[in-house]
């Protein structure tokens, strides 16, 4: 079992029937806006996460494709899970910005992926690669999410 809290929980939940679905629903509720896309965490591991979004009316736009904001939500969730599963214990992260290109219509279910090189986890800016693919493998959105990585503040000793 992993010593990373997120990976340990994910691995534990995968042992149960519907564990991936339960983990996804529980985790999305920790940041409630993620529940709007009904995400399914397909894979979470150090330096990579895949989130599945089912094409359904609630995430479609006026032309019947998956709305780019729903996809962006999935990309941000993938980035956050990847970061939590990857970052060394002495560091912390916060998103700083996002740059995306819309490369094709999202006419099917979507898989959102965030990934980063393992040696990128050091203080400063970290560019996380993100992409969303349809069921045919076509990239419909690609870009980067900039994450600010910094040292965790040292815990002060309480003297009584």
C-alpha atoms as a PDB file:
ATOM      1  CA  UNK A   1       0.000   0.000   0.000  1.00  0.00           C
ATOM      2  CA  UNK A   2       1.220   3.470  -0.863  1.00  0.00           C
ATOM      3  CA  UNK A   3       2.339   5.938   1.814  1.00  0.00           C
ATOM      4  CA  UNK A   4       0.583   8.737  -0.132  1.00  0.00           C
ATOM      5  CA  UNK A   5      -2.880   9.290   1.402  1.00  0.00           C
ATOM      6  CA  UNK A   6      -4.660   9.703  -1.948  1.00  0.00           C
ATOM      7  CA  UNK A   7      -3.038   6.692  -3.583  1.00  0.00           C
ATOM      8  CA  UNK A   8      -3.656   4.577  -0.470  1.00  0.00           C
ATOM      9  CA  UNK A   9      -7.360   5.493  -0.461  1.00  0.00           C
ATOM     10  CA  UNK A  10      -7.651   4.852  -4.214  1.00  0.00           C
ATOM     11  CA  UNK A  11      -5.941   1.457  -3.935  1.00  0.00           C
ATOM     12  CA  UNK A  12      -8.131   0.523  -0.961  1.00  0.00           C
ATOM     13  CA  UNK A  13     -11.341   1.494  -2.758  1.00  0.00           C
ATOM     14  CA  UNK A  14     -10.409  -0.483  -5.890  1.00  0.00           C
ATOM     15  CA  UNK A  15     -10.689  -3.678  -3.831  1.00  0.00           C
ATOM     16  CA  UNK A  16     -14.448  -3.204  -3.504  1.00  0.00           C
ATOM     17  CA  UNK A  17     -17.187  -3.692  -6.095  1.00  0.00           C
ATOM     18  CA  UNK A  18     -17.907  -0.274  -7.629  1.00  0.00           C
ATOM     19  CA  UNK A  19     -14.850   1.019  -5.743  1.00  0.00           C
ATOM     20  CA  UNK A  20     -13.739   3.300  -8.572  1.00  0.00           C
ATOM     21  CA  UNK A  21     -17.217   4.872  -8.712  1.00  0.00           C
ATOM     22  CA  UNK A  22     -17.387   5.287  -4.926  1.00  0.00           C
ATOM     23  CA  UNK A  23     -13.903   6.830  -4.813  1.00  0.00           C
ATOM     24  CA  UNK A  24     -14.817   9.197  -7.658  1.00  0.00           C
ATOM     25  CA  UNK A  25     -18.080  10.344  -6.069  1.00  0.00           C
ATOM     26  CA  UNK A  26     -16.506  10.804  -2.638  1.00  0.00           C
ATOM     27  CA  UNK A  27     -13.519  12.657  -4.038  1.00  0.00           C
ATOM     28  CA  UNK A  28     -15.579  14.952  -6.264  1.00  0.00           C
ATOM     29  CA  UNK A  29     -17.640  16.019  -3.255  1.00  0.00           C
ATOM     30  CA  UNK A  30     -14.475  17.311  -1.555  1.00  0.00           C
ATOM     31  CA  UNK A  31     -14.528  20.099  -4.178  1.00  0.00           C
ATOM     32  CA  UNK A  32     -18.270  20.214  -4.925  1.00  0.00           C
ATOM     33  CA  UNK A  33     -18.048  21.891  -8.323  1.00  0.00           C
ATOM     34  CA  UNK A  34     -16.443  18.700  -9.670  1.00  0.00           C
ATOM     35  CA  UNK A  35     -19.726  16.854  -9.051  1.00  0.00           C
ATOM     36  CA  UNK A  36     -21.283  18.772 -11.968  1.00  0.00           C
ATOM     37  CA  UNK A  37     -19.402  16.578 -14.454  1.00  0.00           C
ATOM     38  CA  UNK A  38     -19.998  13.287 -12.583  1.00  0.00           C
ATOM     39  CA  UNK A  39     -16.343  12.317 -12.991  1.00  0.00           C
ATOM     40  CA  UNK A  40     -14.986   8.803 -12.966  1.00  0.00           C
ATOM     41  CA  UNK A  41     -11.361   8.560 -11.871  1.00  0.00           C
ATOM     42  CA  UNK A  42     -10.033   5.961 -14.287  1.00  0.00           C
ATOM     43  CA  UNK A  43      -6.427   6.078 -13.144  1.00  0.00           C
ATOM     44  CA  UNK A  44      -4.472   7.976 -10.539  1.00  0.00           C
ATOM     45  CA  UNK A  45      -0.781   7.343 -10.047  1.00  0.00           C
ATOM     46  CA  UNK A  46       2.310   9.414  -9.422  1.00  0.00           C
ATOM     47  CA  UNK A  47       2.632  12.024 -12.174  1.00  0.00           C
ATOM     48  CA  UNK A  48      -0.537  11.033 -14.069  1.00  0.00           C
ATOM     49  CA  UNK A  49      -4.308  11.017 -13.677  1.00  0.00           C
ATOM     50  CA  UNK A  50      -7.142  10.165 -16.082  1.00  0.00           C
ATOM     51  CA  UNK A  51     -10.698  11.400 -15.479  1.00  0.00           C
ATOM     52  CA  UNK A  52     -13.651  10.159 -17.568  1.00  0.00           C
ATOM     53  CA  UNK A  53     -16.621  12.412 -18.386  1.00  0.00           C
ATOM     54  CA  UNK A  54     -19.719  10.807 -19.897  1.00  0.00           C
ATOM     55  CA  UNK A  55     -21.371  12.846 -22.631  1.00  0.00           C
ATOM     56  CA  UNK A  56     -24.851  13.616 -21.352  1.00  0.00           C
ATOM     57  CA  UNK A  57     -27.248  16.512 -21.703  1.00  0.00           C
ATOM     58  CA  UNK A  58     -26.104  18.227 -18.477  1.00  0.00           C
ATOM     59  CA  UNK A  59     -22.565  18.773 -19.883  1.00  0.00           C
ATOM     60  CA  UNK A  60     -23.532  19.631 -23.463  1.00  0.00           C
ATOM     61  CA  UNK A  61     -23.608  23.045 -25.074  1.00  0.00           C
ATOM     62  CA  UNK A  62     -26.143  24.431 -27.549  1.00  0.00           C
ATOM     63  CA  UNK A  63     -24.676  22.441 -30.481  1.00  0.00           C
ATOM     64  CA  UNK A  64     -24.786  19.086 -28.666  1.00  0.00           C
ATOM     65  CA  UNK A  65     -21.071  18.688 -27.956  1.00  0.00           C
ATOM     66  CA  UNK A  66     -19.446  18.431 -24.533  1.00  0.00           C
ATOM     67  CA  UNK A  67     -19.037  22.005 -23.300  1.00  0.00           C
ATOM     68  CA  UNK A  68     -15.437  23.117 -23.005  1.00  0.00           C
ATOM     69  CA  UNK A  69     -16.043  24.345 -19.455  1.00  0.00           C
ATOM     70  CA  UNK A  70     -17.065  20.798 -18.439  1.00  0.00           C
ATOM     71  CA  UNK A  71     -13.876  19.527 -20.084  1.00  0.00           C
ATOM     72  CA  UNK A  72     -11.835  22.212 -18.315  1.00  0.00           C
ATOM     73  CA  UNK A  73     -13.378  21.091 -15.033  1.00  0.00           C
ATOM     74  CA  UNK A  74     -12.249  17.529 -15.782  1.00  0.00           C
ATOM     75  CA  UNK A  75      -8.753  18.698 -16.697  1.00  0.00           C
ATOM     76  CA  UNK A  76      -8.455  20.698 -13.482  1.00  0.00           C
ATOM     77  CA  UNK A  77      -9.636  17.699 -11.450  1.00  0.00           C
ATOM     78  CA  UNK A  78      -7.123  15.431 -13.192  1.00  0.00           C
ATOM     79  CA  UNK A  79      -4.353  17.942 -12.478  1.00  0.00           C
ATOM     80  CA  UNK A  80      -5.311  18.192  -8.797  1.00  0.00           C
ATOM     81  CA  UNK A  81      -5.462  14.449  -8.256  1.00  0.00           C
ATOM     82  CA  UNK A  82      -2.195  13.951 -10.116  1.00  0.00           C
ATOM     83  CA  UNK A  83      -0.559  16.659  -7.975  1.00  0.00           C
ATOM     84  CA  UNK A  84      -1.836  15.194  -4.699  1.00  0.00           C
ATOM     85  CA  UNK A  85      -0.643  11.716  -5.725  1.00  0.00           C
ATOM     86  CA  UNK A  86       2.791  12.980  -6.772  1.00  0.00           C
ATOM     87  CA  UNK A  87       4.078  15.897  -4.742  1.00  0.00           C
ATOM     88  CA  UNK A  88       6.800  15.203  -2.156  1.00  0.00           C
ATOM     89  CA  UNK A  89       5.642  15.586   1.446  1.00  0.00           C
ATOM     90  CA  UNK A  90       7.801  18.669   2.049  1.00  0.00           C
ATOM     91  CA  UNK A  91       6.136  20.624  -0.770  1.00  0.00           C
ATOM     92  CA  UNK A  92       2.707  22.114  -1.470  1.00  0.00           C
ATOM     93  CA  UNK A  93       1.037  23.303  -4.672  1.00  0.00           C
ATOM     94  CA  UNK A  94      -1.569  25.752  -5.880  1.00  0.00           C
ATOM     95  CA  UNK A  95      -2.844  26.327  -9.433  1.00  0.00           C
ATOM     96  CA  UNK A  96      -1.671  29.598 -10.931  1.00  0.00           C
ATOM     97  CA  UNK A  97      -3.058  29.618 -14.455  1.00  0.00           C
ATOM     98  CA  UNK A  98      -4.298  27.611 -17.392  1.00  0.00           C
ATOM     99  CA  UNK A  99      -3.725  27.832 -21.138  1.00  0.00           C
ATOM    100  CA  UNK A 100      -5.888  25.675 -23.400  1.00  0.00           C
ATOM    101  CA  UNK A 101      -6.400  25.157 -27.108  1.00  0.00           C
ATOM    102  CA  UNK A 102      -9.699  23.777 -28.362  1.00  0.00           C
ATOM    103  CA  UNK A 103      -8.602  21.508 -31.197  1.00  0.00           C
ATOM    104  CA  UNK A 104     -11.772  19.601 -32.180  1.00  0.00           C
ATOM    105  CA  UNK A 105     -15.454  19.216 -31.340  1.00  0.00           C
ATOM    106  CA  UNK A 106     -16.098  17.005 -28.324  1.00  0.00           C
ATOM    107  CA  UNK A 107     -18.858  14.813 -29.738  1.00  0.00           C
ATOM    108  CA  UNK A 108     -18.379  11.720 -27.532  1.00  0.00           C
ATOM    109  CA  UNK A 109     -17.455  10.779 -23.971  1.00  0.00           C
ATOM    110  CA  UNK A 110     -14.201  12.446 -22.904  1.00  0.00           C
ATOM    111  CA  UNK A 111     -11.087  11.324 -21.031  1.00  0.00           C
ATOM    112  CA  UNK A 112      -9.151  14.144 -19.359  1.00  0.00           C
ATOM    113  CA  UNK A 113      -5.482  13.495 -18.601  1.00  0.00           C
ATOM    114  CA  UNK A 114      -2.934  15.442 -16.577  1.00  0.00           C
ATOM    115  CA  UNK A 115       0.715  14.444 -16.514  1.00  0.00           C
ATOM    116  CA  UNK A 116       4.087  15.797 -15.494  1.00  0.00           C
ATOM    117  CA  UNK A 117       7.681  14.582 -15.483  1.00  0.00           C
ATOM    118  CA  UNK A 118       8.671  12.997 -12.166  1.00  0.00           C
ATOM    119  CA  UNK A 119      11.663  15.318 -11.749  1.00  0.00           C
ATOM    120  CA  UNK A 120       9.487  18.449 -12.006  1.00  0.00           C
ATOM    121  CA  UNK A 121       8.487  18.515  -8.348  1.00  0.00           C
ATOM    122  CA  UNK A 122      10.641  21.326  -6.961  1.00  0.00           C
ATOM    123  CA  UNK A 123       9.852  24.867  -5.773  1.00  0.00           C
ATOM    124  CA  UNK A 124       8.794  27.241  -8.539  1.00  0.00           C
ATOM    125  CA  UNK A 125       6.474  27.028 -11.521  1.00  0.00           C
ATOM    126  CA  UNK A 126       5.532  23.596 -12.786  1.00  0.00           C
ATOM    127  CA  UNK A 127       3.805  23.211 -16.157  1.00  0.00           C
ATOM    128  CA  UNK A 128       1.363  20.317 -16.081  1.00  0.00           C
ATOM    129  CA  UNK A 129       0.428  18.873 -19.478  1.00  0.00           C
ATOM    130  CA  UNK A 130      -3.308  18.387 -19.894  1.00  0.00           C
ATOM    131  CA  UNK A 131      -5.324  16.941 -22.733  1.00  0.00           C
ATOM    132  CA  UNK A 132      -8.837  15.722 -23.356  1.00  0.00           C
ATOM    133  CA  UNK A 133      -9.517  12.948 -25.863  1.00  0.00           C
ATOM    134  CA  UNK A 134     -12.757  11.655 -27.302  1.00  0.00           C
ATOM    135  CA  UNK A 135     -13.527   7.937 -27.621  1.00  0.00           C
ATOM    136  CA  UNK A 136     -11.834   7.893 -31.039  1.00  0.00           C
ATOM    137  CA  UNK A 137      -8.562   9.126 -29.516  1.00  0.00           C
ATOM    138  CA  UNK A 138      -8.880  12.594 -31.049  1.00  0.00           C
ATOM    139  CA  UNK A 139      -7.505  15.370 -28.865  1.00  0.00           C
ATOM    140  CA  UNK A 140     -10.314  17.885 -28.375  1.00  0.00           C
ATOM    141  CA  UNK A 141      -8.545  20.128 -25.848  1.00  0.00           C
ATOM    142  CA  UNK A 142      -4.840  20.394 -24.997  1.00  0.00           C
ATOM    143  CA  UNK A 143      -2.759  22.762 -22.962  1.00  0.00           C
ATOM    144  CA  UNK A 144      -1.000  23.368 -19.691  1.00  0.00           C
ATOM    145  CA  UNK A 145      -1.965  24.210 -16.150  1.00  0.00           C
ATOM    146  CA  UNK A 146       0.678  26.221 -14.345  1.00  0.00           C
ATOM    147  CA  UNK A 147       1.124  25.168 -10.742  1.00  0.00           C
ATOM    148  CA  UNK A 148       3.118  27.074  -8.132  1.00  0.00           C
ATOM    149  CA  UNK A 149       5.115  24.648  -5.986  1.00  0.00           C
ATOM    150  CA  UNK A 150       6.611  25.828  -2.697  1.00  0.00           C
ATOM    151  CA  UNK A 151       8.130  24.465   0.504  1.00  0.00           C
ATOM    152  CA  UNK A 152       5.658  23.782   3.286  1.00  0.00           C
ATOM    153  CA  UNK A 153       6.211  26.122   6.199  1.00  0.00           C
ATOM    154  CA  UNK A 154       7.967  24.477   9.102  1.00  0.00           C
ATOM    155  CA  UNK A 155       5.768  23.630  12.027  1.00  0.00           C
ATOM    156  CA  UNK A 156       6.699  25.760  15.005  1.00  0.00           C
ATOM    157  CA  UNK A 157       7.209  24.041  18.279  1.00  0.00           C
ATOM    158  CA  UNK A 158       4.728  25.119  20.933  1.00  0.00           C
ATOM    159  CA  UNK A 159       6.559  25.934  24.139  1.00  0.00           C
ATOM    160  CA  UNK A 160       4.577  25.930  27.370  1.00  0.00           C
END
